[in-house]
N, C-alpha and C. Protein backbone atom coordinates (compact mmCIF):
# COMPACT_ATOMS: atom_id res chain seq x y z
N MET A 1 -17.17 36.59 9.10
CA MET A 1 -18.30 35.96 9.75
C MET A 1 -18.02 34.46 9.90
N TYR A 2 -18.36 33.92 11.05
CA TYR A 2 -18.12 32.53 11.34
C TYR A 2 -19.30 31.67 10.87
N PRO A 3 -19.02 30.40 10.56
CA PRO A 3 -20.11 29.52 10.12
C PRO A 3 -21.11 29.27 11.24
N GLU A 4 -22.34 29.00 10.86
CA GLU A 4 -23.39 28.72 11.82
C GLU A 4 -23.11 27.39 12.52
N ALA A 5 -23.44 27.30 13.80
CA ALA A 5 -23.19 26.09 14.57
C ALA A 5 -24.20 25.01 14.22
N ASP A 6 -23.72 23.77 14.18
CA ASP A 6 -24.60 22.62 13.97
C ASP A 6 -25.20 22.15 15.29
N TYR A 7 -24.45 22.34 16.38
CA TYR A 7 -24.89 21.95 17.72
C TYR A 7 -24.52 23.07 18.69
N THR A 8 -25.30 23.18 19.77
CA THR A 8 -25.01 24.16 20.82
C THR A 8 -25.16 23.49 22.18
N VAL A 9 -24.17 23.73 23.05
CA VAL A 9 -24.24 23.28 24.44
C VAL A 9 -24.12 24.54 25.29
N ASP A 10 -25.10 24.75 26.16
CA ASP A 10 -25.16 25.96 26.98
C ASP A 10 -24.80 25.61 28.43
N PHE A 11 -23.64 26.06 28.87
CA PHE A 11 -23.17 25.82 30.24
C PHE A 11 -23.68 26.89 31.22
N ARG A 12 -24.24 27.96 30.72
CA ARG A 12 -24.64 29.06 31.60
C ARG A 12 -25.74 28.59 32.54
N GLY A 13 -25.48 28.66 33.84
CA GLY A 13 -26.46 28.30 34.85
C GLY A 13 -26.63 26.80 35.03
N ALA A 14 -25.78 25.99 34.44
CA ALA A 14 -25.90 24.54 34.52
C ALA A 14 -24.86 23.96 35.48
N ILE A 15 -25.10 22.73 35.90
CA ILE A 15 -24.13 22.01 36.73
C ILE A 15 -23.05 21.51 35.79
N ALA A 16 -21.83 21.95 36.02
CA ALA A 16 -20.73 21.70 35.08
C ALA A 16 -20.51 20.23 34.78
N SER A 17 -20.51 19.36 35.78
CA SER A 17 -20.20 17.95 35.54
C SER A 17 -21.24 17.30 34.62
N ILE A 18 -22.49 17.65 34.78
CA ILE A 18 -23.55 17.10 33.93
C ILE A 18 -23.43 17.64 32.52
N THR A 19 -23.15 18.91 32.40
CA THR A 19 -23.03 19.52 31.08
C THR A 19 -21.78 19.03 30.36
N LEU A 20 -20.71 18.76 31.08
CA LEU A 20 -19.50 18.19 30.46
C LEU A 20 -19.81 16.82 29.86
N LEU A 21 -20.63 16.05 30.54
CA LEU A 21 -21.05 14.76 30.01
C LEU A 21 -21.88 14.96 28.74
N GLU A 22 -22.80 15.92 28.78
CA GLU A 22 -23.59 16.26 27.60
C GLU A 22 -22.69 16.71 26.45
N LEU A 23 -21.68 17.49 26.78
CA LEU A 23 -20.73 17.99 25.77
C LEU A 23 -20.01 16.83 25.08
N THR A 24 -19.48 15.90 25.85
CA THR A 24 -18.75 14.77 25.25
C THR A 24 -19.68 13.88 24.44
N ASP A 25 -20.91 13.67 24.90
CA ASP A 25 -21.88 12.88 24.13
C ASP A 25 -22.21 13.56 22.81
N THR A 26 -22.47 14.86 22.85
CA THR A 26 -22.79 15.61 21.64
C THR A 26 -21.62 15.59 20.68
N PHE A 27 -20.42 15.80 21.18
CA PHE A 27 -19.24 15.83 20.32
C PHE A 27 -19.03 14.47 19.65
N ARG A 28 -19.28 13.40 20.37
CA ARG A 28 -19.13 12.05 19.84
C ARG A 28 -20.13 11.80 18.69
N GLU A 29 -21.33 12.34 18.80
CA GLU A 29 -22.38 12.17 17.80
C GLU A 29 -22.14 13.00 16.54
N MET A 30 -21.34 14.03 16.64
CA MET A 30 -21.12 14.93 15.52
C MET A 30 -20.34 14.26 14.39
N GLU A 31 -20.58 14.74 13.18
CA GLU A 31 -19.82 14.32 12.01
C GLU A 31 -18.61 15.25 11.86
N SER A 32 -17.62 14.79 11.13
CA SER A 32 -16.45 15.62 10.84
C SER A 32 -16.89 16.91 10.15
N ASP A 33 -16.22 18.00 10.44
CA ASP A 33 -16.45 19.34 9.87
C ASP A 33 -17.70 20.03 10.41
N GLN A 34 -18.42 19.42 11.34
CA GLN A 34 -19.54 20.11 11.95
C GLN A 34 -19.02 21.03 13.06
N ILE A 35 -19.80 22.07 13.35
CA ILE A 35 -19.42 23.09 14.33
C ILE A 35 -20.23 22.93 15.61
N LEU A 36 -19.53 22.95 16.73
CA LEU A 36 -20.16 22.92 18.05
C LEU A 36 -19.97 24.28 18.71
N GLU A 37 -21.06 24.89 19.12
CA GLU A 37 -21.01 26.16 19.84
C GLU A 37 -21.22 25.87 21.32
N ILE A 38 -20.35 26.42 22.15
CA ILE A 38 -20.41 26.22 23.60
C ILE A 38 -20.52 27.59 24.26
N LEU A 39 -21.52 27.75 25.11
CA LEU A 39 -21.73 29.01 25.82
C LEU A 39 -21.42 28.79 27.29
N VAL A 40 -20.54 29.62 27.85
CA VAL A 40 -20.12 29.47 29.25
C VAL A 40 -20.06 30.84 29.92
N LEU A 41 -20.07 30.81 31.26
CA LEU A 41 -20.00 32.06 32.02
C LEU A 41 -18.60 32.38 32.53
N ASP A 42 -17.81 31.35 32.85
CA ASP A 42 -16.53 31.64 33.50
C ASP A 42 -15.37 30.91 32.82
N PRO A 43 -14.16 31.46 32.96
CA PRO A 43 -12.97 30.87 32.35
C PRO A 43 -12.61 29.48 32.88
N GLU A 44 -12.97 29.18 34.12
CA GLU A 44 -12.67 27.85 34.67
C GLU A 44 -13.40 26.76 33.89
N THR A 45 -14.62 27.04 33.48
CA THR A 45 -15.37 26.07 32.69
C THR A 45 -14.72 25.87 31.33
N ILE A 46 -14.18 26.93 30.76
CA ILE A 46 -13.46 26.81 29.48
C ILE A 46 -12.30 25.84 29.63
N SER A 47 -11.56 25.97 30.71
CA SER A 47 -10.44 25.08 30.99
C SER A 47 -10.92 23.63 31.08
N ASP A 48 -12.04 23.40 31.74
CA ASP A 48 -12.60 22.05 31.87
C ASP A 48 -12.97 21.47 30.50
N ILE A 49 -13.52 22.31 29.64
CA ILE A 49 -13.91 21.86 28.29
C ILE A 49 -12.69 21.35 27.54
N PHE A 50 -11.61 22.10 27.58
CA PHE A 50 -10.42 21.71 26.84
C PHE A 50 -9.72 20.51 27.48
N LYS A 51 -10.05 20.19 28.73
CA LYS A 51 -9.50 18.99 29.37
C LYS A 51 -10.24 17.72 28.94
N VAL A 52 -11.54 17.83 28.68
CA VAL A 52 -12.33 16.63 28.36
C VAL A 52 -12.33 16.28 26.87
N LEU A 53 -12.00 17.24 26.01
CA LEU A 53 -11.96 16.97 24.57
C LEU A 53 -10.50 16.86 24.12
N PRO A 54 -10.13 15.77 23.46
CA PRO A 54 -8.76 15.64 22.97
C PRO A 54 -8.42 16.75 21.97
N ALA A 55 -7.29 17.39 22.15
CA ALA A 55 -6.90 18.52 21.29
C ALA A 55 -6.81 18.13 19.82
N SER A 56 -6.52 16.88 19.54
CA SER A 56 -6.40 16.44 18.14
C SER A 56 -7.74 16.19 17.47
N SER A 57 -8.85 16.34 18.23
CA SER A 57 -10.17 16.03 17.68
C SER A 57 -10.94 17.25 17.18
N TYR A 58 -10.41 18.45 17.42
CA TYR A 58 -11.14 19.66 17.05
C TYR A 58 -10.19 20.77 16.62
N GLU A 59 -10.79 21.74 15.95
CA GLU A 59 -10.10 22.99 15.61
C GLU A 59 -10.88 24.12 16.27
N LEU A 60 -10.19 25.01 16.96
CA LEU A 60 -10.84 26.16 17.56
C LEU A 60 -11.16 27.16 16.46
N VAL A 61 -12.45 27.40 16.24
CA VAL A 61 -12.90 28.32 15.20
C VAL A 61 -13.04 29.73 15.75
N GLU A 62 -13.56 29.82 16.97
CA GLU A 62 -13.81 31.13 17.58
C GLU A 62 -13.86 30.99 19.09
N MET A 63 -13.31 31.98 19.78
CA MET A 63 -13.51 32.10 21.22
C MET A 63 -13.69 33.59 21.47
N GLU A 64 -14.89 33.94 21.88
CA GLU A 64 -15.25 35.35 22.01
C GLU A 64 -15.70 35.65 23.44
N ASP A 65 -15.16 36.70 24.00
CA ASP A 65 -15.56 37.20 25.32
C ASP A 65 -16.73 38.15 25.10
N GLU A 66 -17.89 37.76 25.61
CA GLU A 66 -19.09 38.58 25.45
C GLU A 66 -19.51 39.15 26.80
N ALA A 67 -20.41 40.08 26.80
CA ALA A 67 -20.87 40.71 28.03
C ALA A 67 -21.51 39.70 28.98
N HIS A 68 -22.14 38.67 28.45
CA HIS A 68 -22.84 37.68 29.27
C HIS A 68 -22.09 36.36 29.37
N GLY A 69 -20.81 36.34 29.06
CA GLY A 69 -20.01 35.13 29.17
C GLY A 69 -19.10 34.95 27.97
N TYR A 70 -18.88 33.70 27.62
CA TYR A 70 -17.97 33.37 26.51
C TYR A 70 -18.68 32.49 25.50
N ARG A 71 -18.31 32.64 24.24
CA ARG A 71 -18.81 31.81 23.15
C ARG A 71 -17.60 31.13 22.52
N ILE A 72 -17.65 29.81 22.46
CA ILE A 72 -16.58 29.02 21.87
C ILE A 72 -17.19 28.21 20.74
N ARG A 73 -16.51 28.18 19.62
CA ARG A 73 -16.95 27.35 18.49
C ARG A 73 -15.79 26.43 18.11
N LEU A 74 -16.12 25.15 18.07
CA LEU A 74 -15.14 24.12 17.72
C LEU A 74 -15.61 23.37 16.49
N LYS A 75 -14.67 23.10 15.60
CA LYS A 75 -14.97 22.30 14.40
C LYS A 75 -14.40 20.90 14.62
N LYS A 76 -15.23 19.90 14.51
CA LYS A 76 -14.76 18.54 14.71
C LYS A 76 -13.93 18.12 13.51
N LEU A 77 -12.75 17.58 13.80
CA LEU A 77 -11.85 17.14 12.74
C LEU A 77 -12.17 15.71 12.34
N LYS A 78 -11.68 15.31 11.21
CA LYS A 78 -11.87 13.94 10.73
C LYS A 78 -11.22 12.97 11.72
N ASP A 79 -11.86 11.83 11.88
CA ASP A 79 -11.31 10.80 12.77
C ASP A 79 -10.00 10.29 12.19
N ASN A 80 -9.05 10.06 13.08
CA ASN A 80 -7.74 9.56 12.65
C ASN A 80 -7.76 8.07 12.40
C-alpha cells in the first residue's frame, strides 16, 4: 500500500497549461518527503509533467493506469 498523498492536482478535464502552473506552484510549496498525487487522462500530459519538474527533485512512488486515467504519486526529495 502506498502512502497517502499530502497534495493532489487533478488534470482531468482541465486546461493543461494552467494546471501545469498549479502543479509547479504546489510542488514548490511542498516540504521534503511529502507526496503529491497527480490525476491525468492521457499519456501526453504525463510527459508534460515530467518536463516541468526537475528529475532530481522527486522520486516516482507510483504510476498506475486506471480505467478513468492515470494516477501518479511523486515524493519530493530534500533540496540540494
